[in-house]
Amino acid sequence: MISYITKRILYGFLVLLGVLTIVFLLFNVLPGDPARMRLGQHTDEKSLEIIRNDLNLNLPLQTQYLMFLNDMSFISVHSTAKKDNKSHFYLDSTKYGHPTKLLNIGSGKALFLKTPYLRRSYITQRPVWNIIEQTFPATIVLAFSAIIFACIFGITLGIFSALYKNTFWDRIISVISTLGMAGPSFFFALIISWLFGYILHDWTGLNNLGSLYTTNVYTGADVLSLKNLILPAFTLGIRPLALIIQLTRSSMLEVLSMDYIRTARAKGLSNFKVIAKHALKNALNPVVTAISGWFAGLMAGAAFVEAVFDWKGIGSAVIEALLNYDLPVVMGSTLIFSSCYVAINIIVDIVYAMLDPRVRLT
């Protein structure tokens, strides 16, 4: 099992390295001058040159790439000597905070353990990491709520549909799941926000949508407002709900036709024990894999839902950054999404191996 986990972590590291490389190359070949974006179109060349030096845009591409990897890594090489304060690898406390020294490697250089430096926003000059820290929790809450909703109702309806195959209720559930997979999230978001947040707001009480928090009028403190989470989470969970229903149904039907299920029933076990103890565990393997992919995808794909419901998550920040050509925010958010996707898939691979020991042999 340890060997299996080590391999998965190594593969995840290689995937992240590939993502880092693609993101760097993609955003460095795009047209546009970041220095001019920061200072505006009407500025002098001397000021532009100062900003280009500050952003390291005057360096060769391969040097920029090495610095990019060094900044994004948790373990990086830096110079601590005062004489190297003009070096691009100097340990600048304004960028890297207070990292922990791990190992001296000579010539005034050392390995440090630090928080990845995601650069600064071109527009606001705020560190990208601070922007992500402020917006990412709201996206996690939204995605987690959506996937919990999809799992609870999707697995339940999938089991019900498999147990009552070819009945009226099975056909109704199949139609609902097909419609859920067919409609894009932004379309559902528009319809649902208009219907429940505008037409029926007197009945639902959901006319104050968008923010995860409301302000207490007595204390001025931010208070969690769960009612504003209902519609965005429901909307974002529709497509994974439809997929989980279909996967659970087909997997349950396949498992229920196995010989060991017939044997369990022949021994006199109740239908509940057969389903809960024998069938469900084996039927959930493909469902767990699908849930992992959808959860990671929901965090990255929640931008349209956040925009429609004015949900102040990282998706809204990315859309705003794209409109303003704020590349560091887009790059940092992309890397965060990729890291989450890789981490979630590693965790799911481990869970998958625990559910089915045969996986460890591959």
Foldseek 3Di string as FASTA:
>chain_A
DVVLLVVLVVVLVVVLVVLLVVLLVVLVPDDDQLLCLLVDVDDDPVSSVVVCVVVVVVPDSVVVSLLLCQQQDQKHKAADDPVCPSPSRHPDCVFFPDWAFDADDDPRMTITGTHRFLAAWSHPRHGLVVLQVVFAVLLLVLLVLLLVVLVVLLLVLLVVLQVVPPDPSVVVLLVQLVVLQVDDLLVLLVVLCCVCQPVVCVPLVQVPAAEQWDADPVPRDTDGDCSNSPSLSNSLNSNSSSVSSVQSNVLLNVQCPDPVLVVCVVVPDDPVCSVPPPRVLRSCLVVLQSSLQSSLVSSVPSLSSNVSRVHRHLSVVLVVCVVSVRSSNVSVVSSVSSSSSSVSNSVSLVVSCVSPVVSSVD
